[in-house]
Amino acid sequence: MNLGNVNGYIEEMMNGQKVVKVFVMAMAGAERIFKLMDEKVETDDGYVTLVNVLEEDGTWKESETRTGRWELYTGNAISA
């Protein structure tokens, strides 16, 4: 066996390892995709209304002006 044969053998082994690594990574990605596809579809059971709020005395109060803070409006009160 000469140096060229040894070099070729080593290159084949390295390329084979790279192929296996790529295959394993592809299978892991496919597994995540299939798991996501099997997830139950989310349903919308109603409507959500977000309102601008201001913090006053430790509580959130609805504001008519734009504040950049939003909270869920449940109809009677601001949910915390």
Protein backbone atom coordinates (compact mmCIF):
# COMPACT_ATOMS: atom_id res chain seq x y z
CA MET A 1 0.00 0.00 0.00
CA ASN A 2 1.47 3.34 -1.00
CA LEU A 3 0.84 6.85 0.30
CA GLY A 4 -1.70 7.62 -2.47
CA ASN A 5 -3.83 4.60 -1.54
CA VAL A 6 -3.76 5.52 2.16
CA ASN A 7 -4.66 9.12 1.33
CA GLY A 8 -7.57 7.99 -0.87
CA TYR A 9 -8.82 5.63 1.83
CA ILE A 10 -8.72 8.39 4.46
CA GLU A 11 -10.55 10.80 2.13
CA GLU A 12 -13.27 8.19 1.53
CA MET A 13 -13.72 7.70 5.27
CA MET A 14 -13.92 11.45 5.89
CA ASN A 15 -16.42 12.00 3.09
CA GLY A 16 -18.51 9.09 4.36
CA GLN A 17 -18.58 10.60 7.84
CA LYS A 18 -19.70 13.94 6.38
CA VAL A 19 -22.52 12.22 4.48
CA VAL A 20 -23.66 10.43 7.64
CA LYS A 21 -23.55 13.68 9.62
CA VAL A 22 -25.62 15.52 7.01
CA PHE A 23 -28.11 12.63 6.87
CA VAL A 24 -28.50 12.55 10.67
CA MET A 25 -29.02 16.33 10.77
CA ALA A 26 -31.61 16.09 7.97
CA MET A 27 -33.49 13.36 9.83
CA ALA A 28 -33.52 15.44 13.03
CA GLY A 29 -34.91 18.41 11.09
CA ALA A 30 -37.55 16.23 9.44
CA GLU A 31 -38.55 14.82 12.82
CA ARG A 32 -39.15 18.35 14.16
CA ILE A 33 -41.19 19.27 11.08
CA PHE A 34 -43.35 16.14 11.33
CA LYS A 35 -43.89 16.72 15.05
CA LEU A 36 -45.04 20.27 14.28
CA MET A 37 -47.34 19.02 11.52
CA ASP A 38 -48.95 16.58 14.00
CA GLU A 39 -49.78 19.37 16.47
CA LYS A 40 -53.45 20.07 17.09
CA VAL A 41 -54.69 23.11 15.17
CA GLU A 42 -55.40 26.09 17.41
CA THR A 43 -58.96 27.37 17.40
CA ASP A 44 -60.15 30.90 17.96
CA ASP A 45 -62.93 30.80 20.55
CA GLY A 46 -63.72 34.50 20.51
CA TYR A 47 -62.40 37.98 20.15
CA VAL A 48 -59.65 39.76 22.01
CA THR A 49 -59.63 43.51 22.53
CA LEU A 50 -56.41 45.23 23.50
CA VAL A 51 -56.53 48.72 24.99
CA ASN A 52 -53.91 51.35 25.80
CA VAL A 53 -53.19 51.49 29.52
CA LEU A 54 -51.45 53.72 32.04
CA GLU A 55 -50.20 52.64 35.45
CA GLU A 56 -51.76 54.69 38.24
CA ASP A 57 -51.28 53.89 41.92
CA GLY A 58 -50.03 50.40 41.15
CA THR A 59 -52.97 49.47 38.92
CA TRP A 60 -53.54 49.62 35.19
CA LYS A 61 -56.16 52.04 33.91
CA GLU A 62 -57.47 52.30 30.36
CA SER A 63 -56.17 55.34 28.51
CA GLU A 64 -57.59 57.15 25.50
CA THR A 65 -54.11 58.26 24.45
CA ARG A 66 -51.50 56.05 22.84
CA THR A 67 -49.16 54.79 25.56
CA GLY A 68 -47.27 51.95 23.90
CA ARG A 69 -48.52 49.59 26.64
CA TRP A 70 -51.32 47.17 25.95
CA GLU A 71 -53.48 44.94 28.12
CA LEU A 72 -56.35 42.58 27.48
CA TYR A 73 -59.77 44.20 27.94
CA THR A 74 -62.28 41.67 29.32
CA GLY A 75 -65.35 43.87 29.18
CA ASN A 76 -65.43 45.09 32.79
CA ALA A 77 -61.83 45.48 33.82
CA ILE A 78 -58.28 45.40 32.59
CA SER A 79 -56.77 41.97 33.16
CA ALA A 80 -53.39 41.97 34.87
